Amino acid sequence: MSNVAIALGSLVLMLVLIYAGMHVAITLGLLSFVGVWLIRGDVQIAANLLAQAVNDSISSHIFGVVPLFVLTGFLVAYADIGKDAFDVANQAFRRIRGGLGVATVAANAVFAAITGISIASAAVFTRVAVPQMLRFGYQPKFAVGVVAGSSVLGMLIPPSLLMILYGFLSEQSVGDLFTAGILPGMLLAVAFSVVIVAMAWWRPESVYVAGQAQQISHDALMPLGEMAIKVAPILMLIGSVLGGIYAGLITATEAGAVGALMALLIALVRRKLTWRSFWGVLTETGHVTVSVSFLIICANIYTRMLAMSGTPQALVEWMALAGFGVAMFMLLYVLLIVLLGTIIDSSSILLIVLPLMLPIAQQFGLNLIWFGVVTVVAVEIGLLTPPFGLSVYVIKSTLGNTLDISLGDIFKGTAPFTLTMFGVLGLLIAFPNLSLALLK
């Protein structure tokens, strides 16, 4: 059996094992170990490579950015900053048809610029935005669809955990990836808002409950002083994290530390954090960090096994003989990511496909920063697609028994936003400058 056949066989077996329920990291590590053993014919070499991968994968201080931004996200959620962002956005868009939906998108965009975790956005705005929309006559299916759809902004608008992960795997600058995500993130937020307003005007039955449509929130106007108090912590966080990075004053890792400190101070000043809840935040941060670390370690040895087998080079040669150009490669790449998104989570998709696809993208001479933005958008579509749709499950879990709505209805509610994401993804592929303009 050839080395390439061993590697391709491991890919097929990987999907079978993952679909059967085996943890992605264990699958990657096991198949990589066996693959190296078969390729080199020596179990000791495979064991040595595994040990080296464990040491090399996360030994750099740069990796500290992961737990720091995760900690920031959890602290921000406890400090009720998401609720404040929604309250201010609601005031700004209160007179627009479908205004509460637009306010949810805007608040999610602001929240994303602080946390970078889509799941946190989905959980926070399920509690904050859904009850408000239901109170003002919005369809339950539409309300949860808006929250699920706009939650994906958390992984595109910097700081983004997925972009940090992509930066590690592709050896690209995390700061450049953050910069490249700004315009696409704003474009996606605007596209979501346009879709919401268009639905409210031309398909009001899909937005409002019949006979209960209220296009304007009738809550009392918020005084400017109160709005300023709610906005100030948000601006401080965004300014300290992103402003420091783009001004060149701090690195991405240092920005994570600054963001975590600022979020902690805000939570303490607002008296939103007890010793018990703070311990919970630290525990959750540890769980997420360990999970991501384990995935990266196992993906590292998998990358080395693929390189050892010569599979990326063989695929490049096969594509050249088949007459595949960049367009066909990108089409197949996006299709693969979206299909994987139906069964596994976002981080796992990156760790599975990038070791194989990055060498091919380099052979085609593609800009890896632009390639990263396209990858993140494609991966995020998987958060909304059945049967996995992690954001949908988070929303259902967060709702509990407060709203009688099925998973199927939530998936239907996200459909307009999923289609919008495909449209934006097509624009980003067709016009790379949408991602790279701020880097020039």
Protein backbone atom coordinates (compact mmCIF):
# COMPACT_ATOMS: atom_id res chain seq x y z
CA MET A 1 0.00 0.00 0.00
CA SER A 2 1.39 3.41 -0.99
CA ASN A 3 1.90 6.24 1.50
CA VAL A 4 -0.76 8.35 -0.23
CA ALA A 5 -3.25 5.48 -0.03
CA ILE A 6 -2.56 5.19 3.72
CA ALA A 7 -3.22 8.91 4.23
CA LEU A 8 -6.39 8.95 2.10
CA GLY A 9 -7.61 5.83 3.85
CA SER A 10 -7.12 7.58 7.18
CA LEU A 11 -9.33 10.45 5.96
CA VAL A 12 -12.18 8.09 5.10
CA LEU A 13 -11.79 6.19 8.37
CA MET A 14 -11.68 9.48 10.27
CA LEU A 15 -15.12 10.53 9.00
CA VAL A 16 -16.52 7.08 9.82
CA LEU A 17 -15.17 7.19 13.38
CA ILE A 18 -16.32 10.78 14.00
CA TYR A 19 -19.79 10.03 12.67
CA ALA A 20 -19.87 6.94 14.92
CA GLY A 21 -19.29 9.21 17.92
CA MET A 22 -15.55 9.10 18.61
CA HIS A 23 -14.06 12.40 19.84
CA VAL A 24 -12.36 14.33 17.04
CA ALA A 25 -9.06 14.81 18.89
CA ILE A 26 -8.78 11.11 19.78
CA THR A 27 -9.58 10.18 16.18
CA LEU A 28 -6.90 12.53 14.83
CA GLY A 29 -4.26 11.31 17.26
CA LEU A 30 -5.01 7.61 16.81
CA LEU A 31 -5.11 7.67 13.01
CA SER A 32 -2.00 9.85 12.82
CA PHE A 33 -0.08 7.47 15.08
CA VAL A 34 -1.14 4.41 13.08
CA GLY A 35 -0.50 6.23 9.79
CA VAL A 36 3.10 7.12 10.70
CA TRP A 37 3.63 3.57 11.97
CA LEU A 38 2.49 2.13 8.62
CA ILE A 39 4.41 4.69 6.53
CA ARG A 40 7.72 4.25 8.38
CA GLY A 41 7.18 0.68 9.50
CA ASP A 42 8.43 1.48 12.99
CA VAL A 43 6.19 2.01 16.02
CA GLN A 44 9.00 3.80 17.89
CA ILE A 45 9.19 6.52 15.21
CA ALA A 46 5.44 7.03 15.50
CA ALA A 47 5.70 7.29 19.30
CA ASN A 48 8.58 9.78 19.06
CA LEU A 49 6.68 11.93 16.56
CA LEU A 50 3.65 11.98 18.85
CA ALA A 51 5.80 13.05 21.82
CA GLN A 52 7.46 15.78 19.77
CA ALA A 53 4.10 17.07 18.53
CA VAL A 54 2.83 17.33 22.10
CA ASN A 55 5.85 19.44 23.03
CA ASP A 56 5.94 21.63 19.91
CA SER A 57 2.24 22.35 19.40
CA ILE A 58 1.45 24.66 22.31
CA SER A 59 4.84 25.40 23.88
CA SER A 60 4.99 28.94 22.45
CA HIS A 61 3.86 31.86 24.63
CA ILE A 62 1.78 32.99 21.65
CA PHE A 63 -0.71 30.24 22.46
CA GLY A 64 -1.56 32.14 25.65
CA VAL A 65 -3.94 34.25 23.55
CA VAL A 66 -6.48 31.38 23.53
CA PRO A 67 -7.29 31.15 27.27
CA LEU A 68 -7.06 34.93 27.65
CA PHE A 69 -9.71 35.69 25.02
CA VAL A 70 -11.89 32.81 26.26
CA LEU A 71 -11.67 34.26 29.79
CA THR A 72 -12.55 37.71 28.42
CA GLY A 73 -15.62 36.28 26.70
CA PHE A 74 -16.97 34.60 29.83
CA LEU A 75 -16.32 37.68 31.99
CA VAL A 76 -18.07 39.94 29.49
CA ALA A 77 -21.09 37.65 29.52
CA TYR A 78 -21.26 37.83 33.34
CA ALA A 79 -20.89 41.63 33.29
CA ASP A 80 -24.13 42.03 31.28
CA ILE A 81 -22.33 43.93 28.52
CA GLY A 82 -24.35 42.03 25.91
CA LYS A 83 -27.58 43.30 27.47
CA ASP A 84 -26.26 46.87 27.48
CA ALA A 85 -25.27 46.62 23.81
CA PHE A 86 -28.77 45.39 22.97
CA ASP A 87 -30.48 48.16 24.96
CA VAL A 88 -28.47 50.87 23.17
CA ALA A 89 -28.97 49.26 19.74
CA ASN A 90 -32.70 48.98 20.41
CA GLN A 91 -32.84 52.73 21.02
CA ALA A 92 -30.95 53.40 17.77
CA PHE A 93 -33.16 51.18 15.56
CA ARG A 94 -36.48 51.42 17.40
CA ARG A 95 -38.28 53.20 14.54
CA ILE A 96 -37.18 50.85 11.77
CA ARG A 97 -39.53 48.10 10.63
CA GLY A 98 -38.02 44.95 12.08
CA GLY A 99 -35.96 47.18 14.35
CA LEU A 100 -35.55 44.70 17.20
CA GLY A 101 -34.08 42.21 14.75
CA VAL A 102 -31.64 44.82 13.43
CA ALA A 103 -30.81 45.79 17.02
CA THR A 104 -29.98 42.16 17.78
CA VAL A 105 -27.60 42.01 14.81
CA ALA A 106 -25.96 45.31 15.80
CA ALA A 107 -25.59 44.24 19.44
CA ASN A 108 -24.13 40.89 18.34
CA ALA A 109 -21.59 42.73 16.17
CA VAL A 110 -20.53 44.87 19.13
CA PHE A 111 -20.45 41.85 21.45
CA ALA A 112 -18.33 40.01 18.85
CA ALA A 113 -15.78 42.83 18.92
CA ILE A 114 -15.22 42.03 22.60
CA THR A 115 -15.53 38.24 22.96
CA GLY A 116 -14.84 36.41 19.67
CA ILE A 117 -16.91 33.36 20.67
CA SER A 118 -20.10 32.64 18.71
CA ILE A 119 -21.51 30.26 21.29
CA ALA A 120 -21.29 32.95 23.98
CA SER A 121 -23.21 35.34 21.70
CA ALA A 122 -25.92 32.75 21.06
CA ALA A 123 -26.40 32.09 24.78
CA VAL A 124 -26.38 35.75 25.85
CA PHE A 125 -28.80 37.07 23.22
CA THR A 126 -31.18 34.15 23.59
CA ARG A 127 -31.75 35.46 27.12
CA VAL A 128 -31.68 39.15 26.20
CA ALA A 129 -33.19 39.60 22.73
CA VAL A 130 -35.68 36.74 22.30
CA PRO A 131 -37.99 37.77 25.20
CA GLN A 132 -38.01 41.36 23.92
CA MET A 133 -38.94 40.34 20.38
CA LEU A 134 -41.68 38.04 21.62
CA ARG A 135 -43.05 40.88 23.78
CA PHE A 136 -43.40 43.12 20.74
CA GLY A 137 -45.19 40.61 18.54
CA TYR A 138 -42.36 38.93 16.63
CA GLN A 139 -42.66 35.33 15.46
CA PRO A 140 -40.80 32.94 17.81
CA LYS A 141 -39.19 31.23 14.82
CA PHE A 142 -37.94 34.57 13.50
CA ALA A 143 -36.69 35.71 16.92
CA VAL A 144 -34.51 32.63 17.50
CA GLY A 145 -33.42 32.67 13.84
CA VAL A 146 -32.08 36.22 14.19
CA VAL A 147 -30.14 35.31 17.33
CA ALA A 148 -28.67 32.16 15.77
CA GLY A 149 -27.81 33.90 12.50
CA SER A 150 -26.16 36.95 14.03
CA SER A 151 -24.25 34.87 16.58
CA VAL A 152 -21.84 33.78 13.83
CA LEU A 153 -20.44 37.32 13.77
CA GLY A 154 -18.52 36.35 16.90
CA MET A 155 -16.08 34.25 14.89
CA LEU A 156 -15.55 36.76 12.07
CA ILE A 157 -15.35 40.19 13.69
CA PRO A 158 -12.07 40.36 15.64
CA PRO A 159 -11.01 39.18 18.11
CA SER A 160 -11.96 35.71 16.84
CA LEU A 161 -11.04 32.38 18.39
CA LEU A 162 -11.28 30.65 15.01
CA MET A 163 -8.92 33.18 13.43
CA ILE A 164 -6.45 32.66 16.26
CA LEU A 165 -6.63 28.92 15.61
CA TYR A 166 -6.22 29.43 11.85
CA GLY A 167 -3.22 31.66 12.53
CA PHE A 168 -1.53 28.88 14.53
CA LEU A 169 -2.19 26.25 11.86
CA SER A 170 -1.18 28.42 8.89
CA GLU A 171 1.65 30.33 10.62
CA GLN A 172 0.06 33.65 9.63
CA SER A 173 -0.10 36.85 11.69
CA VAL A 174 -3.09 36.86 14.05
CA GLY A 175 -3.11 40.68 13.91
CA ASP A 176 -3.37 40.61 10.09
CA LEU A 177 -6.17 38.06 10.29
CA PHE A 178 -8.03 40.27 12.77
CA THR A 179 -7.67 43.26 10.43
CA ALA A 180 -8.83 41.23 7.44
CA GLY A 181 -11.97 40.17 9.31
CA ILE A 182 -13.26 43.71 9.96
CA LEU A 183 -14.77 44.57 6.56
CA PRO A 184 -16.24 41.07 5.93
CA GLY A 185 -17.74 41.14 9.43
CA MET A 186 -19.33 44.54 8.83
CA LEU A 187 -20.54 43.39 5.40
CA LEU A 188 -22.20 40.32 6.90
CA ALA A 189 -23.85 42.39 9.66
CA VAL A 190 -25.21 44.87 7.09
CA ALA A 191 -26.43 42.01 4.88
CA PHE A 192 -28.28 40.43 7.83
CA SER A 193 -29.89 43.79 8.66
CA VAL A 194 -31.00 44.33 5.04
CA VAL A 195 -32.55 40.85 4.98
CA ILE A 196 -34.44 41.54 8.23
CA VAL A 197 -35.85 44.87 7.01
CA ALA A 198 -36.76 43.33 3.62
CA MET A 199 -38.60 40.47 5.33
CA ALA A 200 -40.43 42.91 7.63
CA TRP A 201 -41.63 44.93 4.62
CA TRP A 202 -42.39 42.26 2.04
CA ARG A 203 -43.03 39.14 4.15
CA PRO A 204 -44.36 40.53 7.43
CA GLU A 205 -46.14 37.25 8.24
CA SER A 206 -42.73 35.60 8.61
CA VAL A 207 -41.58 38.30 11.05
CA TYR A 208 -44.65 39.25 13.08
CA VAL A 209 -47.43 37.25 14.69
CA ALA A 210 -50.67 37.98 12.81
CA GLY A 211 -52.52 40.92 14.34
CA GLN A 212 -49.73 41.69 16.80
CA ALA A 213 -47.18 43.44 14.61
CA GLN A 214 -45.59 46.33 16.45
CA GLN A 215 -42.96 47.99 14.33
CA ILE A 216 -41.82 50.39 17.04
CA SER A 217 -40.69 49.53 20.53
CA HIS A 218 -42.86 51.59 22.87
CA ASP A 219 -40.48 51.51 25.81
CA ALA A 220 -39.56 54.90 27.18
CA LEU A 221 -36.69 56.68 25.49
CA MET A 222 -33.40 56.08 27.24
CA PRO A 223 -31.75 59.30 28.51
CA LEU A 224 -28.44 60.16 26.84
CA GLY A 225 -26.64 59.92 30.17
CA GLU A 226 -27.83 56.36 30.70
CA MET A 227 -26.86 55.44 27.13
CA ALA A 228 -23.38 56.87 27.71
CA ILE A 229 -22.99 54.83 30.90
CA LYS A 230 -23.97 51.65 29.04
CA VAL A 231 -21.72 52.38 26.04
CA ALA A 232 -18.61 53.47 27.98
CA PRO A 233 -17.46 49.99 29.12
CA ILE A 234 -18.01 48.63 25.61
CA LEU A 235 -15.89 51.36 24.05
CA MET A 236 -13.21 50.90 26.71
CA LEU A 237 -12.96 47.18 25.98
CA ILE A 238 -12.92 47.55 22.20
CA GLY A 239 -10.46 50.43 22.39
CA SER A 240 -8.08 48.66 24.75
CA VAL A 241 -8.08 45.35 22.85
CA LEU A 242 -8.38 46.20 19.17
CA GLY A 243 -7.04 49.74 19.46
CA GLY A 244 -3.89 48.47 21.15
CA ILE A 245 -3.31 45.85 18.45
CA TYR A 246 -3.89 48.15 15.48
CA ALA A 247 -1.83 50.97 17.02
CA GLY A 248 1.06 48.55 17.38
CA LEU A 249 1.26 49.07 21.14
CA ILE A 250 0.55 45.46 22.12
CA THR A 251 0.61 42.01 20.56
CA ALA A 252 -2.48 39.82 20.18
CA THR A 253 -1.46 37.83 23.28
CA GLU A 254 -0.99 41.00 25.34
CA ALA A 255 -4.33 42.28 24.03
CA GLY A 256 -5.97 39.13 25.41
CA ALA A 257 -4.49 39.89 28.83
CA VAL A 258 -5.62 43.53 28.66
CA GLY A 259 -9.12 42.48 27.60
CA ALA A 260 -9.40 39.94 30.42
CA LEU A 261 -8.25 42.51 33.00
CA MET A 262 -10.68 45.17 31.72
CA ALA A 263 -13.57 42.70 31.66
CA LEU A 264 -12.74 41.60 35.21
CA LEU A 265 -12.65 45.20 36.47
CA ILE A 266 -15.97 46.03 34.78
CA ALA A 267 -17.62 42.92 36.27
CA LEU A 268 -16.29 43.81 39.73
CA VAL A 269 -17.33 47.47 39.52
CA ARG A 270 -20.83 46.39 38.48
CA ARG A 271 -20.88 43.81 41.27
CA LYS A 272 -21.82 41.08 38.81
CA LEU A 273 -19.14 38.66 39.96
CA THR A 274 -19.06 36.64 43.17
CA TRP A 275 -16.30 34.29 44.29
CA ARG A 276 -18.53 31.38 43.30
CA SER A 277 -19.26 32.72 39.80
CA PHE A 278 -15.61 33.75 39.32
CA TRP A 279 -14.53 30.19 40.09
CA GLY A 280 -17.12 29.02 37.54
CA VAL A 281 -15.65 31.39 34.93
CA LEU A 282 -12.13 30.07 35.56
CA THR A 283 -13.33 26.47 35.38
CA GLU A 284 -15.19 27.03 32.08
CA THR A 285 -12.14 28.81 30.66
CA GLY A 286 -9.98 25.86 31.64
CA HIS A 287 -12.35 23.38 30.02
CA VAL A 288 -12.42 25.27 26.72
CA THR A 289 -8.66 25.84 26.70
CA VAL A 290 -7.82 22.21 27.43
CA SER A 291 -10.24 21.05 24.75
CA VAL A 292 -8.68 23.36 22.14
CA SER A 293 -5.14 22.42 23.26
CA PHE A 294 -5.85 18.71 22.90
CA LEU A 295 -7.27 19.28 19.42
CA ILE A 296 -4.24 21.29 18.33
CA ILE A 297 -1.79 18.68 19.62
CA CYS A 298 -3.56 15.86 17.77
CA ALA A 299 -3.91 17.96 14.62
CA ASN A 300 -0.20 18.73 14.70
CA ILE A 301 0.85 15.09 14.41
CA TYR A 302 -1.87 14.59 11.78
CA THR A 303 -0.33 17.41 9.73
CA ARG A 304 3.09 15.79 10.01
CA MET A 305 1.69 12.41 8.94
CA LEU A 306 0.09 13.95 5.83
CA ALA A 307 3.31 15.77 4.94
CA MET A 308 5.29 12.55 5.45
CA SER A 309 2.94 10.68 3.11
CA GLY A 310 3.24 13.25 0.30
CA THR A 311 -0.56 13.49 0.00
CA PRO A 312 -0.81 17.30 -0.45
CA GLN A 313 1.68 17.23 -3.33
CA ALA A 314 -0.12 14.25 -4.90
CA LEU A 315 -3.45 16.12 -4.73
CA VAL A 316 -1.91 19.20 -6.37
CA GLU A 317 -0.59 17.04 -9.21
CA TRP A 318 -3.97 15.32 -9.56
CA MET A 319 -5.78 18.67 -9.76
CA ALA A 320 -3.32 19.90 -12.39
CA LEU A 321 -3.85 16.77 -14.53
CA ALA A 322 -7.64 17.09 -14.12
CA GLY A 323 -7.46 20.70 -15.27
CA PHE A 324 -8.77 22.09 -11.96
CA GLY A 325 -8.03 25.76 -11.45
CA VAL A 326 -8.41 28.01 -8.44
CA ALA A 327 -12.18 28.38 -8.91
CA MET A 328 -12.82 24.64 -8.86
CA PHE A 329 -10.48 24.16 -5.91
CA MET A 330 -12.30 26.84 -3.90
CA LEU A 331 -15.69 25.34 -4.82
CA LEU A 332 -14.64 21.88 -3.65
CA TYR A 333 -13.01 23.34 -0.54
CA VAL A 334 -16.10 25.30 0.55
CA LEU A 335 -18.36 22.34 -0.22
CA LEU A 336 -16.19 20.06 1.94
CA ILE A 337 -16.24 22.51 4.86
CA VAL A 338 -20.02 23.01 4.69
CA LEU A 339 -20.61 19.24 4.58
CA LEU A 340 -18.31 18.69 7.57
CA GLY A 341 -20.19 21.47 9.36
CA THR A 342 -23.29 19.26 9.41
CA ILE A 343 -21.62 16.75 11.74
CA ILE A 344 -18.71 18.35 13.68
CA ASP A 345 -17.82 21.64 15.38
CA SER A 346 -15.95 24.61 13.89
CA SER A 347 -12.55 24.10 15.51
CA SER A 348 -12.48 20.44 14.53
CA ILE A 349 -13.22 21.31 10.90
CA LEU A 350 -10.20 23.61 10.77
CA LEU A 351 -7.97 20.99 12.33
CA ILE A 352 -9.09 18.32 9.87
CA VAL A 353 -9.08 20.19 6.55
CA LEU A 354 -6.28 22.75 6.88
CA PRO A 355 -3.36 20.31 7.09
CA LEU A 356 -4.46 18.92 3.73
CA MET A 357 -5.67 22.08 2.00
CA LEU A 358 -3.14 24.74 3.05
CA PRO A 359 -0.29 23.24 0.98
CA ILE A 360 -2.60 23.14 -2.04
CA ALA A 361 -3.64 26.77 -1.50
CA GLN A 362 0.05 27.73 -1.34
CA GLN A 363 0.73 25.82 -4.56
CA PHE A 364 -2.01 27.86 -6.26
CA GLY A 365 -0.38 31.04 -4.92
CA LEU A 366 -3.43 32.08 -2.88
CA ASN A 367 -3.15 34.76 -0.21
CA LEU A 368 -3.41 32.82 3.05
CA ILE A 369 -4.93 35.77 4.96
CA TRP A 370 -7.80 35.98 2.44
CA PHE A 371 -8.00 32.17 2.45
CA GLY A 372 -8.39 32.33 6.24
CA VAL A 373 -11.32 34.77 6.08
CA VAL A 374 -13.08 32.61 3.47
CA THR A 375 -12.42 29.53 5.61
CA VAL A 376 -13.88 31.11 8.76
CA VAL A 377 -17.06 32.24 6.98
CA ALA A 378 -17.52 28.79 5.42
CA VAL A 379 -16.93 27.07 8.76
CA GLU A 380 -19.39 29.38 10.52
CA ILE A 381 -22.14 28.35 8.11
CA GLY A 382 -21.88 24.95 9.79
CA LEU A 383 -23.09 26.50 13.06
CA LEU A 384 -26.49 27.00 11.42
CA THR A 385 -26.90 23.84 9.32
CA PRO A 386 -28.58 20.61 10.45
CA PRO A 387 -28.10 18.09 11.90
CA PHE A 388 -25.26 19.48 14.08
CA GLY A 389 -25.81 23.27 14.03
CA LEU A 390 -24.10 24.03 17.35
CA SER A 391 -25.58 27.56 17.70
CA VAL A 392 -29.06 26.11 17.25
CA TYR A 393 -28.50 23.57 20.03
CA VAL A 394 -27.10 26.26 22.33
CA ILE A 395 -30.21 28.39 21.76
CA LYS A 396 -32.53 25.44 22.38
CA SER A 397 -30.65 24.57 25.57
CA THR A 398 -30.66 28.18 26.78
CA LEU A 399 -34.41 28.54 26.16
CA GLY A 400 -35.16 25.45 28.23
CA ASN A 401 -38.89 25.29 28.89
CA THR A 402 -39.49 29.02 28.52
CA LEU A 403 -40.50 28.74 24.84
CA ASP A 404 -42.17 25.80 23.14
CA ILE A 405 -40.23 25.66 19.87
CA SER A 406 -38.64 22.66 18.19
CA LEU A 407 -35.11 22.32 16.82
CA GLY A 408 -36.63 22.04 13.35
CA ASP A 409 -38.35 25.42 13.75
CA ILE A 410 -35.10 27.04 14.91
CA PHE A 411 -33.30 25.64 11.85
CA LYS A 412 -36.08 27.01 9.63
CA GLY A 413 -35.74 30.39 11.31
CA THR A 414 -32.01 30.47 10.53
CA ALA A 415 -32.52 29.60 6.82
CA PRO A 416 -32.61 33.24 5.53
CA PHE A 417 -29.38 33.99 7.39
CA THR A 418 -27.68 30.83 6.15
CA LEU A 419 -28.52 31.81 2.56
CA THR A 420 -27.24 35.33 3.25
CA MET A 421 -23.95 33.88 4.49
CA PHE A 422 -23.58 31.90 1.27
CA GLY A 423 -24.12 35.12 -0.69
CA VAL A 424 -21.51 37.02 1.34
CA LEU A 425 -19.11 34.09 1.04
CA GLY A 426 -19.47 34.23 -2.74
CA LEU A 427 -18.64 37.95 -2.70
CA LEU A 428 -15.56 37.39 -0.54
CA ILE A 429 -14.30 34.70 -2.91
CA ALA A 430 -14.99 36.78 -6.01
CA PHE A 431 -13.53 40.00 -4.58
CA PRO A 432 -10.52 39.26 -2.33
CA ASN A 433 -9.99 43.00 -1.71
CA LEU A 434 -13.06 42.96 0.55
CA SER A 435 -10.83 41.10 3.00
CA LEU A 436 -7.43 42.60 2.16
CA ALA A 437 -8.26 46.29 1.67
CA LEU A 438 -7.33 47.32 5.24
CA LEU A 439 -3.97 45.52 4.99
CA LYS A 440 -2.74 47.64 2.07
